[in-house]
Full PDB file with SEQRES, HELIX, SHEET, SSBOND, CRYST1, ORIGX, SCALE, CONECT and MASTER records, all heavy atoms in Angstrom:
SEQRES   1 A   44  LEU ASN VAL ARG GLU GLY LYS GLU GLN GLU PHE GLU GLY          
SEQRES   2 A   44  VAL MET LEU ASP LEU ALA ALA LYS VAL ASN ALA ASN GLU          
SEQRES   3 A   44  PRO GLY CYS HIS LEU TYR LYS LEU CYS LYS ASP SER GLY          
SEQRES   4 A   44  GLY GLY TYR VAL VAL                                          
HELIX    1 AA1 GLU A    8  ASN A   25  1                                  18    
SHEET    1 AA1 2 CYS A  35  LYS A  36  0                                        
SHEET    2 AA1 2 TYR A  42  VAL A  43 -1                                        
CRYST1    1.000    1.000    1.000  90.00  90.00  90.00 P 1           1          
ORIGX1      1.000000  0.000000  0.000000        0.00000                         
ORIGX2      0.000000  1.000000  0.000000        0.00000                         
ORIGX3      0.000000  0.000000  1.000000        0.00000                         
SCALE1      1.000000  0.000000  0.000000        0.00000                         
SCALE2      0.000000  1.000000  0.000000        0.00000                         
SCALE3      0.000000  0.000000  1.000000        0.00000                         
ATOM      1  N   LEU A   1      -0.548   8.576   2.397  1.00  0.00           N  
ATOM      2  CA  LEU A   1      -1.926   8.340   2.027  1.00  0.00           C  
ATOM      3  C   LEU A   1      -2.864   8.605   3.318  1.00  0.00           C  
ATOM      4  O   LEU A   1      -2.544   8.200   4.363  1.00  0.00           O  
ATOM      5  CB  LEU A   1      -2.089   6.844   1.603  1.00  0.00           C  
ATOM      6  CG  LEU A   1      -1.159   6.491   0.479  1.00  0.00           C  
ATOM      7  CD1 LEU A   1      -1.147   4.921   0.198  1.00  0.00           C  
ATOM      8  CD2 LEU A   1      -1.473   7.244  -0.824  1.00  0.00           C  
ATOM      9  N   ASN A   2      -3.943   9.250   2.988  1.00  0.00           N  
ATOM     10  CA  ASN A   2      -4.958   9.695   3.935  1.00  0.00           C  
ATOM     11  C   ASN A   2      -6.092   8.632   3.895  1.00  0.00           C  
ATOM     12  O   ASN A   2      -6.911   8.776   2.982  1.00  0.00           O  
ATOM     13  CB  ASN A   2      -5.462  11.016   3.642  1.00  0.00           C  
ATOM     14  CG  ASN A   2      -6.403  11.613   4.670  1.00  0.00           C  
ATOM     15  OD1 ASN A   2      -6.820  10.917   5.619  1.00  0.00           O  
ATOM     16  ND2 ASN A   2      -6.799  12.853   4.504  1.00  0.00           N  
ATOM     17  N   VAL A   3      -6.063   7.667   4.740  1.00  0.00           N  
ATOM     18  CA  VAL A   3      -7.060   6.659   4.821  1.00  0.00           C  
ATOM     19  C   VAL A   3      -8.231   7.008   5.768  1.00  0.00           C  
ATOM     20  O   VAL A   3      -7.867   7.367   6.910  1.00  0.00           O  
ATOM     21  CB  VAL A   3      -6.529   5.246   5.150  1.00  0.00           C  
ATOM     22  CG1 VAL A   3      -7.529   4.138   5.121  1.00  0.00           C  
ATOM     23  CG2 VAL A   3      -5.432   4.987   4.048  1.00  0.00           C  
ATOM     24  N   ARG A   4      -9.500   6.841   5.449  1.00  0.00           N  
ATOM     25  CA  ARG A   4     -10.554   7.073   6.359  1.00  0.00           C  
ATOM     26  C   ARG A   4     -10.521   6.100   7.508  1.00  0.00           C  
ATOM     27  O   ARG A   4     -10.255   4.944   7.387  1.00  0.00           O  
ATOM     28  CB  ARG A   4     -11.950   6.928   5.674  1.00  0.00           C  
ATOM     29  CG  ARG A   4     -12.227   7.979   4.752  1.00  0.00           C  
ATOM     30  CD  ARG A   4     -13.696   7.870   4.222  1.00  0.00           C  
ATOM     31  NE  ARG A   4     -13.997   9.063   3.523  1.00  0.00           N  
ATOM     32  CZ  ARG A   4     -15.096   9.117   2.837  1.00  0.00           C  
ATOM     33  NH1 ARG A   4     -15.972   8.221   2.785  1.00  0.00           N  
ATOM     34  NH2 ARG A   4     -15.365  10.324   2.124  1.00  0.00           N  
ATOM     35  N   GLU A   5     -10.779   6.675   8.681  1.00  0.00           N  
ATOM     36  CA  GLU A   5     -10.818   5.829   9.947  1.00  0.00           C  
ATOM     37  C   GLU A   5     -11.812   4.835   9.705  1.00  0.00           C  
ATOM     38  O   GLU A   5     -12.998   4.983   9.336  1.00  0.00           O  
ATOM     39  CB  GLU A   5     -11.195   6.829  11.096  1.00  0.00           C  
ATOM     40  CG  GLU A   5     -11.066   6.111  12.527  1.00  0.00           C  
ATOM     41  CD  GLU A   5     -11.167   6.924  13.654  1.00  0.00           C  
ATOM     42  OE1 GLU A   5     -11.051   8.170  13.452  1.00  0.00           O  
ATOM     43  OE2 GLU A   5     -11.663   6.530  14.610  1.00  0.00           O  
ATOM     44  N   GLY A   6     -11.464   3.626  10.160  1.00  0.00           N  
ATOM     45  CA  GLY A   6     -12.336   2.438  10.099  1.00  0.00           C  
ATOM     46  C   GLY A   6     -12.305   1.703   8.707  1.00  0.00           C  
ATOM     47  O   GLY A   6     -12.891   0.617   8.590  1.00  0.00           O  
ATOM     48  N   LYS A   7     -11.466   2.233   7.811  1.00  0.00           N  
ATOM     49  CA  LYS A   7     -11.404   1.682   6.451  1.00  0.00           C  
ATOM     50  C   LYS A   7     -10.000   0.980   6.177  1.00  0.00           C  
ATOM     51  O   LYS A   7      -9.674   0.630   5.122  1.00  0.00           O  
ATOM     52  CB  LYS A   7     -11.687   2.703   5.380  1.00  0.00           C  
ATOM     53  CG  LYS A   7     -13.160   3.311   5.380  1.00  0.00           C  
ATOM     54  CD  LYS A   7     -14.089   2.262   5.005  1.00  0.00           C  
ATOM     55  CE  LYS A   7     -15.462   2.889   4.961  1.00  0.00           C  
ATOM     56  NZ  LYS A   7     -16.444   1.818   4.644  1.00  0.00           N  
ATOM     57  N   GLU A   8      -9.227   0.867   7.289  1.00  0.00           N  
ATOM     58  CA  GLU A   8      -7.813   0.505   7.158  1.00  0.00           C  
ATOM     59  C   GLU A   8      -7.739  -0.905   6.475  1.00  0.00           C  
ATOM     60  O   GLU A   8      -6.910  -1.124   5.641  1.00  0.00           O  
ATOM     61  CB  GLU A   8      -7.114   0.549   8.489  1.00  0.00           C  
ATOM     62  CG  GLU A   8      -6.960   1.984   9.046  1.00  0.00           C  
ATOM     63  CD  GLU A   8      -8.210   2.346   9.892  1.00  0.00           C  
ATOM     64  OE1 GLU A   8      -9.219   1.684  10.035  1.00  0.00           O  
ATOM     65  OE2 GLU A   8      -8.082   3.610  10.324  1.00  0.00           O  
ATOM     66  N   GLN A   9      -8.512  -1.857   6.935  1.00  0.00           N  
ATOM     67  CA  GLN A   9      -8.370  -3.284   6.547  1.00  0.00           C  
ATOM     68  C   GLN A   9      -8.749  -3.303   5.050  1.00  0.00           C  
ATOM     69  O   GLN A   9      -8.039  -3.946   4.321  1.00  0.00           O  
ATOM     70  CB  GLN A   9      -9.396  -4.108   7.342  1.00  0.00           C  
ATOM     71  CG  GLN A   9      -9.022  -4.368   8.702  1.00  0.00           C  
ATOM     72  CD  GLN A   9      -7.896  -5.395   8.858  1.00  0.00           C  
ATOM     73  OE1 GLN A   9      -6.916  -5.028   9.427  1.00  0.00           O  
ATOM     74  NE2 GLN A   9      -8.030  -6.552   8.388  1.00  0.00           N  
ATOM     75  N   GLU A  10      -9.767  -2.623   4.548  1.00  0.00           N  
ATOM     76  CA  GLU A  10     -10.234  -2.564   3.223  1.00  0.00           C  
ATOM     77  C   GLU A  10      -9.159  -1.982   2.343  1.00  0.00           C  
ATOM     78  O   GLU A  10      -8.753  -2.493   1.340  1.00  0.00           O  
ATOM     79  CB  GLU A  10     -11.505  -1.833   3.038  1.00  0.00           C  
ATOM     80  CG  GLU A  10     -12.753  -2.659   3.556  1.00  0.00           C  
ATOM     81  CD  GLU A  10     -13.922  -1.740   3.402  1.00  0.00           C  
ATOM     82  OE1 GLU A  10     -14.426  -1.541   2.253  1.00  0.00           O  
ATOM     83  OE2 GLU A  10     -14.445  -1.255   4.424  1.00  0.00           O  
ATOM     84  N   PHE A  11      -8.597  -0.856   2.862  1.00  0.00           N  
ATOM     85  CA  PHE A  11      -7.606  -0.089   2.131  1.00  0.00           C  
ATOM     86  C   PHE A  11      -6.369  -1.090   1.969  1.00  0.00           C  
ATOM     87  O   PHE A  11      -5.806  -1.159   0.874  1.00  0.00           O  
ATOM     88  CB  PHE A  11      -7.150   1.086   2.907  1.00  0.00           C  
ATOM     89  CG  PHE A  11      -5.901   1.709   2.484  1.00  0.00           C  
ATOM     90  CD1 PHE A  11      -5.846   2.383   1.262  1.00  0.00           C  
ATOM     91  CD2 PHE A  11      -4.662   1.490   3.105  1.00  0.00           C  
ATOM     92  CE1 PHE A  11      -4.629   2.970   0.733  1.00  0.00           C  
ATOM     93  CE2 PHE A  11      -3.531   1.984   2.790  1.00  0.00           C  
ATOM     94  CZ  PHE A  11      -3.447   2.727   1.543  1.00  0.00           C  
ATOM     95  N   GLU A  12      -5.949  -1.680   3.032  1.00  0.00           N  
ATOM     96  CA  GLU A  12      -4.656  -2.554   2.948  1.00  0.00           C  
ATOM     97  C   GLU A  12      -4.898  -3.705   1.871  1.00  0.00           C  
ATOM     98  O   GLU A  12      -3.995  -4.057   1.054  1.00  0.00           O  
ATOM     99  CB  GLU A  12      -4.378  -3.238   4.273  1.00  0.00           C  
ATOM    100  CG  GLU A  12      -3.761  -2.152   5.225  1.00  0.00           C  
ATOM    101  CD  GLU A  12      -3.352  -2.796   6.546  1.00  0.00           C  
ATOM    102  OE1 GLU A  12      -3.279  -4.101   6.677  1.00  0.00           O  
ATOM    103  OE2 GLU A  12      -3.170  -2.040   7.532  1.00  0.00           O  
ATOM    104  N   GLY A  13      -6.106  -4.246   1.829  1.00  0.00           N  
ATOM    105  CA  GLY A  13      -6.315  -5.227   0.825  1.00  0.00           C  
ATOM    106  C   GLY A  13      -6.186  -4.765  -0.630  1.00  0.00           C  
ATOM    107  O   GLY A  13      -5.545  -5.348  -1.454  1.00  0.00           O  
ATOM    108  N   VAL A  14      -6.768  -3.606  -0.921  1.00  0.00           N  
ATOM    109  CA  VAL A  14      -6.670  -3.031  -2.184  1.00  0.00           C  
ATOM    110  C   VAL A  14      -5.273  -2.661  -2.522  1.00  0.00           C  
ATOM    111  O   VAL A  14      -4.757  -2.932  -3.638  1.00  0.00           O  
ATOM    112  CB  VAL A  14      -7.709  -1.858  -2.372  1.00  0.00           C  
ATOM    113  CG1 VAL A  14      -7.467  -1.080  -3.675  1.00  0.00           C  
ATOM    114  CG2 VAL A  14      -9.116  -2.243  -2.245  1.00  0.00           C  
ATOM    115  N   MET A  15      -4.630  -1.998  -1.472  1.00  0.00           N  
ATOM    116  CA  MET A  15      -3.219  -1.472  -1.787  1.00  0.00           C  
ATOM    117  C   MET A  15      -2.254  -2.581  -1.962  1.00  0.00           C  
ATOM    118  O   MET A  15      -1.391  -2.610  -2.907  1.00  0.00           O  
ATOM    119  CB  MET A  15      -2.843  -0.597  -0.702  1.00  0.00           C  
ATOM    120  CG  MET A  15      -1.566   0.184  -0.866  1.00  0.00           C  
ATOM    121  SD  MET A  15      -1.841   1.351  -2.160  1.00  0.00           S  
ATOM    122  CE  MET A  15      -0.363   1.077  -3.021  1.00  0.00           C  
ATOM    123  N   LEU A  16      -2.486  -3.692  -1.151  1.00  0.00           N  
ATOM    124  CA  LEU A  16      -1.488  -4.791  -1.301  1.00  0.00           C  
ATOM    125  C   LEU A  16      -1.699  -5.544  -2.620  1.00  0.00           C  
ATOM    126  O   LEU A  16      -0.725  -6.012  -3.124  1.00  0.00           O  
ATOM    127  CB  LEU A  16      -1.617  -5.727  -0.091  1.00  0.00           C  
ATOM    128  CG  LEU A  16      -1.168  -5.157   1.219  1.00  0.00           C  
ATOM    129  CD1 LEU A  16      -1.358  -6.015   2.423  1.00  0.00           C  
ATOM    130  CD2 LEU A  16       0.337  -4.776   1.132  1.00  0.00           C  
ATOM    131  N   ASP A  17      -2.898  -5.599  -3.085  1.00  0.00           N  
ATOM    132  CA  ASP A  17      -3.253  -6.155  -4.377  1.00  0.00           C  
ATOM    133  C   ASP A  17      -2.505  -5.356  -5.557  1.00  0.00           C  
ATOM    134  O   ASP A  17      -1.875  -5.938  -6.397  1.00  0.00           O  
ATOM    135  CB  ASP A  17      -4.736  -6.270  -4.655  1.00  0.00           C  
ATOM    136  CG  ASP A  17      -5.023  -6.895  -5.986  1.00  0.00           C  
ATOM    137  OD1 ASP A  17      -4.601  -8.080  -6.228  1.00  0.00           O  
ATOM    138  OD2 ASP A  17      -5.597  -6.155  -6.832  1.00  0.00           O  
ATOM    139  N   LEU A  18      -2.686  -4.006  -5.412  1.00  0.00           N  
ATOM    140  CA  LEU A  18      -2.025  -3.192  -6.405  1.00  0.00           C  
ATOM    141  C   LEU A  18      -0.473  -3.343  -6.363  1.00  0.00           C  
ATOM    142  O   LEU A  18       0.227  -3.490  -7.378  1.00  0.00           O  
ATOM    143  CB  LEU A  18      -2.341  -1.727  -6.111  1.00  0.00           C  
ATOM    144  CG  LEU A  18      -1.612  -0.639  -7.003  1.00  0.00           C  
ATOM    145  CD1 LEU A  18      -1.769  -0.917  -8.525  1.00  0.00           C  
ATOM    146  CD2 LEU A  18      -1.967   0.760  -6.584  1.00  0.00           C  
ATOM    147  N   ALA A  19       0.071  -3.356  -5.181  1.00  0.00           N  
ATOM    148  CA  ALA A  19       1.472  -3.516  -4.975  1.00  0.00           C  
ATOM    149  C   ALA A  19       2.034  -4.741  -5.561  1.00  0.00           C  
ATOM    150  O   ALA A  19       3.152  -4.816  -6.222  1.00  0.00           O  
ATOM    151  CB  ALA A  19       1.925  -3.428  -3.470  1.00  0.00           C  
ATOM    152  N   ALA A  20       1.279  -5.860  -5.408  1.00  0.00           N  
ATOM    153  CA  ALA A  20       1.785  -7.201  -6.001  1.00  0.00           C  
ATOM    154  C   ALA A  20       1.717  -7.065  -7.543  1.00  0.00           C  
ATOM    155  O   ALA A  20       2.729  -7.536  -8.148  1.00  0.00           O  
ATOM    156  CB  ALA A  20       0.773  -8.347  -5.626  1.00  0.00           C  
ATOM    157  N   LYS A  21       0.733  -6.395  -8.084  1.00  0.00           N  
ATOM    158  CA  LYS A  21       0.722  -6.168  -9.591  1.00  0.00           C  
ATOM    159  C   LYS A  21       1.872  -5.369 -10.066  1.00  0.00           C  
ATOM    160  O   LYS A  21       2.432  -5.579 -11.052  1.00  0.00           O  
ATOM    161  CB  LYS A  21      -0.587  -5.746  -9.990  1.00  0.00           C  
ATOM    162  CG  LYS A  21      -1.692  -6.741  -9.843  1.00  0.00           C  
ATOM    163  CD  LYS A  21      -3.128  -6.200  -9.994  1.00  0.00           C  
ATOM    164  CE  LYS A  21      -4.140  -7.288  -9.855  1.00  0.00           C  
ATOM    165  NZ  LYS A  21      -5.528  -6.718  -9.851  1.00  0.00           N  
ATOM    166  N   VAL A  22       2.075  -4.221  -9.309  1.00  0.00           N  
ATOM    167  CA  VAL A  22       3.251  -3.355  -9.712  1.00  0.00           C  
ATOM    168  C   VAL A  22       4.490  -4.145  -9.709  1.00  0.00           C  
ATOM    169  O   VAL A  22       5.413  -4.100 -10.624  1.00  0.00           O  
ATOM    170  CB  VAL A  22       3.276  -2.131  -8.739  1.00  0.00           C  
ATOM    171  CG1 VAL A  22       4.573  -1.382  -8.987  1.00  0.00           C  
ATOM    172  CG2 VAL A  22       2.113  -1.201  -8.992  1.00  0.00           C  
ATOM    173  N   ASN A  23       4.804  -4.866  -8.577  1.00  0.00           N  
ATOM    174  CA  ASN A  23       6.019  -5.591  -8.461  1.00  0.00           C  
ATOM    175  C   ASN A  23       6.209  -6.728  -9.482  1.00  0.00           C  
ATOM    176  O   ASN A  23       7.361  -7.033  -9.818  1.00  0.00           O  
ATOM    177  CB  ASN A  23       6.217  -6.110  -6.954  1.00  0.00           C  
ATOM    178  CG  ASN A  23       6.517  -4.979  -6.022  1.00  0.00           C  
ATOM    179  OD1 ASN A  23       7.272  -4.141  -6.217  1.00  0.00           O  
ATOM    180  ND2 ASN A  23       5.630  -4.962  -4.888  1.00  0.00           N  
ATOM    181  N   ALA A  24       5.126  -7.306  -9.883  1.00  0.00           N  
ATOM    182  CA  ALA A  24       5.170  -8.353 -10.934  1.00  0.00           C  
ATOM    183  C   ALA A  24       5.201  -7.873 -12.337  1.00  0.00           C  
ATOM    184  O   ALA A  24       5.779  -8.647 -13.182  1.00  0.00           O  
ATOM    185  CB  ALA A  24       3.980  -9.263 -10.736  1.00  0.00           C  
ATOM    186  N   ASN A  25       4.819  -6.658 -12.617  1.00  0.00           N  
ATOM    187  CA  ASN A  25       4.587  -6.229 -13.973  1.00  0.00           C  
ATOM    188  C   ASN A  25       5.357  -5.077 -14.420  1.00  0.00           C  
ATOM    189  O   ASN A  25       5.231  -4.634 -15.553  1.00  0.00           O  
ATOM    190  CB  ASN A  25       3.158  -6.055 -14.200  1.00  0.00           C  
ATOM    191  CG  ASN A  25       2.333  -7.297 -14.104  1.00  0.00           C  
ATOM    192  OD1 ASN A  25       2.529  -8.286 -14.910  1.00  0.00           O  
ATOM    193  ND2 ASN A  25       1.413  -7.359 -13.124  1.00  0.00           N  
ATOM    194  N   GLU A  26       6.062  -4.455 -13.504  1.00  0.00           N  
ATOM    195  CA  GLU A  26       6.755  -3.110 -13.857  1.00  0.00           C  
ATOM    196  C   GLU A  26       8.255  -3.281 -13.602  1.00  0.00           C  
ATOM    197  O   GLU A  26       8.785  -2.987 -12.574  1.00  0.00           O  
ATOM    198  CB  GLU A  26       6.246  -2.003 -12.981  1.00  0.00           C  
ATOM    199  CG  GLU A  26       4.796  -1.615 -13.318  1.00  0.00           C  
ATOM    200  CD  GLU A  26       4.262  -0.512 -12.678  1.00  0.00           C  
ATOM    201  OE1 GLU A  26       4.953   0.491 -12.311  1.00  0.00           O  
ATOM    202  OE2 GLU A  26       3.064  -0.430 -12.300  1.00  0.00           O  
ATOM    203  N   PRO A  27       9.004  -3.738 -14.575  1.00  0.00           N  
ATOM    204  CA  PRO A  27      10.459  -3.975 -14.453  1.00  0.00           C  
ATOM    205  C   PRO A  27      11.277  -2.712 -14.087  1.00  0.00           C  
ATOM    206  O   PRO A  27      12.250  -2.740 -13.486  1.00  0.00           O  
ATOM    207  CB  PRO A  27      10.866  -4.597 -15.688  1.00  0.00           C  
ATOM    208  CG  PRO A  27       9.893  -4.233 -16.722  1.00  0.00           C  
ATOM    209  CD  PRO A  27       8.586  -4.110 -15.947  1.00  0.00           C  
ATOM    210  N   GLY A  28      10.682  -1.605 -14.421  1.00  0.00           N  
ATOM    211  CA  GLY A  28      11.392  -0.275 -14.150  1.00  0.00           C  
ATOM    212  C   GLY A  28      11.096   0.215 -12.772  1.00  0.00           C  
ATOM    213  O   GLY A  28      11.657   1.258 -12.330  1.00  0.00           O  
ATOM    214  N   CYS A  29      10.220  -0.430 -12.002  1.00  0.00           N  
ATOM    215  CA  CYS A  29      10.008  -0.105 -10.605  1.00  0.00           C  
ATOM    216  C   CYS A  29      10.778  -0.987  -9.676  1.00  0.00           C  
ATOM    217  O   CYS A  29      10.472  -2.227  -9.693  1.00  0.00           O  
ATOM    218  CB  CYS A  29       8.454  -0.228 -10.368  1.00  0.00           C  
ATOM    219  SG  CYS A  29       8.029   0.329  -8.724  1.00  0.00           S  
ATOM    220  N   HIS A  30      11.725  -0.386  -9.021  1.00  0.00           N  
ATOM    221  CA  HIS A  30      12.609  -1.274  -8.132  1.00  0.00           C  
ATOM    222  C   HIS A  30      12.057  -1.474  -6.705  1.00  0.00           C  
ATOM    223  O   HIS A  30      12.557  -2.315  -6.034  1.00  0.00           O  
ATOM    224  CB  HIS A  30      13.955  -0.659  -8.157  1.00  0.00           C  
ATOM    225  CG  HIS A  30      14.601  -0.579  -9.457  1.00  0.00           C  
ATOM    226  ND1 HIS A  30      15.028  -1.712 -10.166  1.00  0.00           N  
ATOM    227  CD2 HIS A  30      14.843   0.451 -10.294  1.00  0.00           C  
ATOM    228  CE1 HIS A  30      15.553  -1.344 -11.292  1.00  0.00           C  
ATOM    229  NE2 HIS A  30      15.470  -0.022 -11.458  1.00  0.00           N  
ATOM    230  N   LEU A  31      11.196  -0.589  -6.332  1.00  0.00           N  
ATOM    231  CA  LEU A  31      10.550  -0.682  -4.954  1.00  0.00           C  
ATOM    232  C   LEU A  31       9.158  -0.094  -4.993  1.00  0.00           C  
ATOM    233  O   LEU A  31       8.984   1.009  -5.536  1.00  0.00           O  
ATOM    234  CB  LEU A  31      11.425   0.058  -3.977  1.00  0.00           C  
ATOM    235  CG  LEU A  31      10.869   0.091  -2.494  1.00  0.00           C  
ATOM    236  CD1 LEU A  31      11.008  -1.303  -1.803  1.00  0.00           C  
ATOM    237  CD2 LEU A  31      11.614   1.038  -1.724  1.00  0.00           C  
ATOM    238  N   TYR A  32       8.179  -0.923  -4.434  1.00  0.00           N  
ATOM    239  CA  TYR A  32       6.844  -0.388  -4.393  1.00  0.00           C  
ATOM    240  C   TYR A  32       6.263  -1.079  -3.127  1.00  0.00           C  
ATOM    241  O   TYR A  32       5.784  -2.201  -3.252  1.00  0.00           O  
ATOM    242  CB  TYR A  32       5.989  -0.569  -5.601  1.00  0.00           C  
ATOM    243  CG  TYR A  32       4.752   0.169  -5.715  1.00  0.00           C  
ATOM    244  CD1 TYR A  32       4.728   1.384  -6.251  1.00  0.00           C  
ATOM    245  CD2 TYR A  32       3.566  -0.325  -5.201  1.00  0.00           C  
ATOM    246  CE1 TYR A  32       3.548   2.172  -6.369  1.00  0.00           C  
ATOM    247  CE2 TYR A  32       2.396   0.403  -5.290  1.00  0.00           C  
ATOM    248  CZ  TYR A  32       2.424   1.605  -5.844  1.00  0.00           C  
ATOM    249  OH  TYR A  32       1.254   2.353  -5.993  1.00  0.00           O  
ATOM    250  N   LYS A  33       6.322  -0.397  -2.015  1.00  0.00           N  
ATOM    251  CA  LYS A  33       5.949  -0.971  -0.729  1.00  0.00           C  
ATOM    252  C   LYS A  33       5.053  -0.167   0.112  1.00  0.00           C  
ATOM    253  O   LYS A  33       5.328   1.023   0.258  1.00  0.00           O  
ATOM    254  CB  LYS A  33       7.212  -1.394   0.086  1.00  0.00           C  
ATOM    255  CG  LYS A  33       8.162  -2.465  -0.497  1.00  0.00           C  
ATOM    256  CD  LYS A  33       7.542  -3.785  -0.532  1.00  0.00           C  
ATOM    257  CE  LYS A  33       8.467  -4.696  -1.037  1.00  0.00           C  
ATOM    258  NZ  LYS A  33       7.881  -6.097  -1.201  1.00  0.00           N  
ATOM    259  N   LEU A  34       3.998  -0.741   0.679  1.00  0.00           N  
ATOM    260  CA  LEU A  34       3.183  -0.123   1.563  1.00  0.00           C  
ATOM    261  C   LEU A  34       3.729  -0.222   2.958  1.00  0.00           C  
ATOM    262  O   LEU A  34       4.117  -1.321   3.469  1.00  0.00           O  
ATOM    263  CB  LEU A  34       1.774  -0.742   1.555  1.00  0.00           C  
ATOM    264  CG  LEU A  34       0.808  -0.131   2.549  1.00  0.00           C  
ATOM    265  CD1 LEU A  34       0.346   1.249   2.337  1.00  0.00           C  
ATOM    266  CD2 LEU A  34      -0.574  -1.061   2.584  1.00  0.00           C  
ATOM    267  N   CYS A  35       3.831   0.896   3.648  1.00  0.00           N  
ATOM    268  CA  CYS A  35       4.386   0.932   5.041  1.00  0.00           C  
ATOM    269  C   CYS A  35       3.437   1.658   5.975  1.00  0.00           C  
ATOM    270  O   CYS A  35       2.601   2.517   5.517  1.00  0.00           O  
ATOM    271  CB  CYS A  35       5.680   1.701   5.027  1.00  0.00           C  
ATOM    272  SG  CYS A  35       6.987   1.058   3.860  1.00  0.00           S  
ATOM    273  N   LYS A  36       3.406   1.263   7.145  1.00  0.00           N  
ATOM    274  CA  LYS A  36       2.533   1.854   8.196  1.00  0.00           C  
ATOM    275  C   LYS A  36       3.259   2.268   9.376  1.00  0.00           C  
ATOM    276  O   LYS A  36       3.989   1.486   9.880  1.00  0.00           O  
ATOM    277  CB  LYS A  36       1.444   0.761   8.605  1.00  0.00           C  
ATOM    278  CG  LYS A  36       0.344   1.286   9.478  1.00  0.00           C  
ATOM    279  CD  LYS A  36      -0.623   0.109   9.670  1.00  0.00           C  
ATOM    280  CE  LYS A  36      -1.701   0.398  10.671  1.00  0.00           C  
ATOM    281  NZ  LYS A  36      -2.725  -0.664  10.840  1.00  0.00           N  
ATOM    282  N   ASP A  37       3.146   3.518   9.777  1.00  0.00           N  
ATOM    283  CA  ASP A  37       3.860   4.052  10.918  1.00  0.00           C  
ATOM    284  C   ASP A  37       3.249   3.671  12.365  1.00  0.00           C  
ATOM    285  O   ASP A  37       2.070   3.088  12.241  1.00  0.00           O  
ATOM    286  CB  ASP A  37       4.184   5.468  10.873  1.00  0.00           C  
ATOM    287  CG  ASP A  37       2.928   6.380  10.923  1.00  0.00           C  
ATOM    288  OD1 ASP A  37       1.910   5.975  11.608  1.00  0.00           O  
ATOM    289  OD2 ASP A  37       2.937   7.496  10.351  1.00  0.00           O  
ATOM    290  N   SER A  38       3.863   3.846  13.466  1.00  0.00           N  
ATOM    291  CA  SER A  38       3.328   3.480  14.708  1.00  0.00           C  
ATOM    292  C   SER A  38       1.926   4.267  15.045  1.00  0.00           C  
ATOM    293  O   SER A  38       1.163   3.730  15.936  1.00  0.00           O  
ATOM    294  CB  SER A  38       4.339   3.843  15.848  1.00  0.00           C  
ATOM    295  OG  SER A  38       4.622   5.164  15.826  1.00  0.00           O  
ATOM    296  N   GLY A  39       1.665   5.306  14.397  1.00  0.00           N  
ATOM    297  CA  GLY A  39       0.449   6.037  14.620  1.00  0.00           C  
ATOM    298  C   GLY A  39      -0.689   5.557  13.686  1.00  0.00           C  
ATOM    299  O   GLY A  39      -1.816   6.190  13.759  1.00  0.00           O  
ATOM    300  N   GLY A  40      -0.455   4.667  12.850  1.00  0.00           N  
ATOM    301  CA  GLY A  40      -1.472   4.135  11.899  1.00  0.00           C  
ATOM    302  C   GLY A  40      -1.453   4.811  10.547  1.00  0.00           C  
ATOM    303  O   GLY A  40      -2.312   4.570   9.778  1.00  0.00           O  
ATOM    304  N   GLY A  41      -0.488   5.711  10.311  1.00  0.00           N  
ATOM    305  CA  GLY A  41      -0.366   6.412   9.090  1.00  0.00           C  
ATOM    306  C   GLY A  41       0.180   5.596   7.991  1.00  0.00           C  
ATOM    307  O   GLY A  41       1.126   4.724   8.307  1.00  0.00           O  
ATOM    308  N   TYR A  42      -0.136   5.715   6.675  1.00  0.00           N  
ATOM    309  CA  TYR A  42       0.306   4.915   5.604  1.00  0.00           C  
ATOM    310  C   TYR A  42       1.168   5.742   4.733  1.00  0.00           C  
ATOM    311  O   TYR A  42       0.733   6.946   4.336  1.00  0.00           O  
ATOM    312  CB  TYR A  42      -0.806   4.218   4.835  1.00  0.00           C  
ATOM    313  CG  TYR A  42      -1.649   3.212   5.597  1.00  0.00           C  
ATOM    314  CD1 TYR A  42      -2.764   3.567   6.250  1.00  0.00           C  
ATOM    315  CD2 TYR A  42      -1.265   1.941   5.619  1.00  0.00           C  
ATOM    316  CE1 TYR A  42      -3.503   2.665   6.966  1.00  0.00           C  
ATOM    317  CE2 TYR A  42      -1.961   0.920   6.254  1.00  0.00           C  
ATOM    318  CZ  TYR A  42      -3.115   1.369   6.935  1.00  0.00           C  
ATOM    319  OH  TYR A  42      -3.747   0.364   7.567  1.00  0.00           O  
ATOM    320  N   VAL A  43       2.168   5.164   4.130  1.00  0.00           N  
ATOM    321  CA  VAL A  43       2.958   5.630   3.068  1.00  0.00           C  
ATOM    322  C   VAL A  43       3.335   4.566   2.118  1.00  0.00           C  
ATOM    323  O   VAL A  43       3.411   3.344   2.516  1.00  0.00           O  
ATOM    324  CB  VAL A  43       4.219   6.431   3.490  1.00  0.00           C  
ATOM    325  CG1 VAL A  43       4.035   7.627   4.464  1.00  0.00           C  
ATOM    326  CG2 VAL A  43       5.187   5.487   4.179  1.00  0.00           C  
ATOM    327  N   VAL A  44       3.460   4.958   0.858  1.00  0.00           N  
ATOM    328  CA  VAL A  44       3.968   4.005  -0.204  1.00  0.00           C  
ATOM    329  C   VAL A  44       5.356   4.564  -0.509  1.00  0.00           C  
ATOM    330  O   VAL A  44       5.497   5.704  -0.907  1.00  0.00           O  
ATOM    331  CB  VAL A  44       3.025   3.913  -1.354  1.00  0.00           C  
ATOM    332  CG1 VAL A  44       3.662   2.953  -2.428  1.00  0.00           C  
ATOM    333  CG2 VAL A  44       1.702   3.381  -1.006  1.00  0.00           C  
TER     334      VAL A  44                                                      
MASTER        0    0    0    1    2    0    0    6  333    1    0    4          
END                                                                             
């Protein structure tokens, strides 16, 4: 995911909310996790 500089906090809030909904409501999804690398890059 390509997140605009300075928008990381807002992005994490929206993404973590989505991840919680995916994990609670999608039994066919076994893993849905937001990860952040040491350089500040995000992947799901």
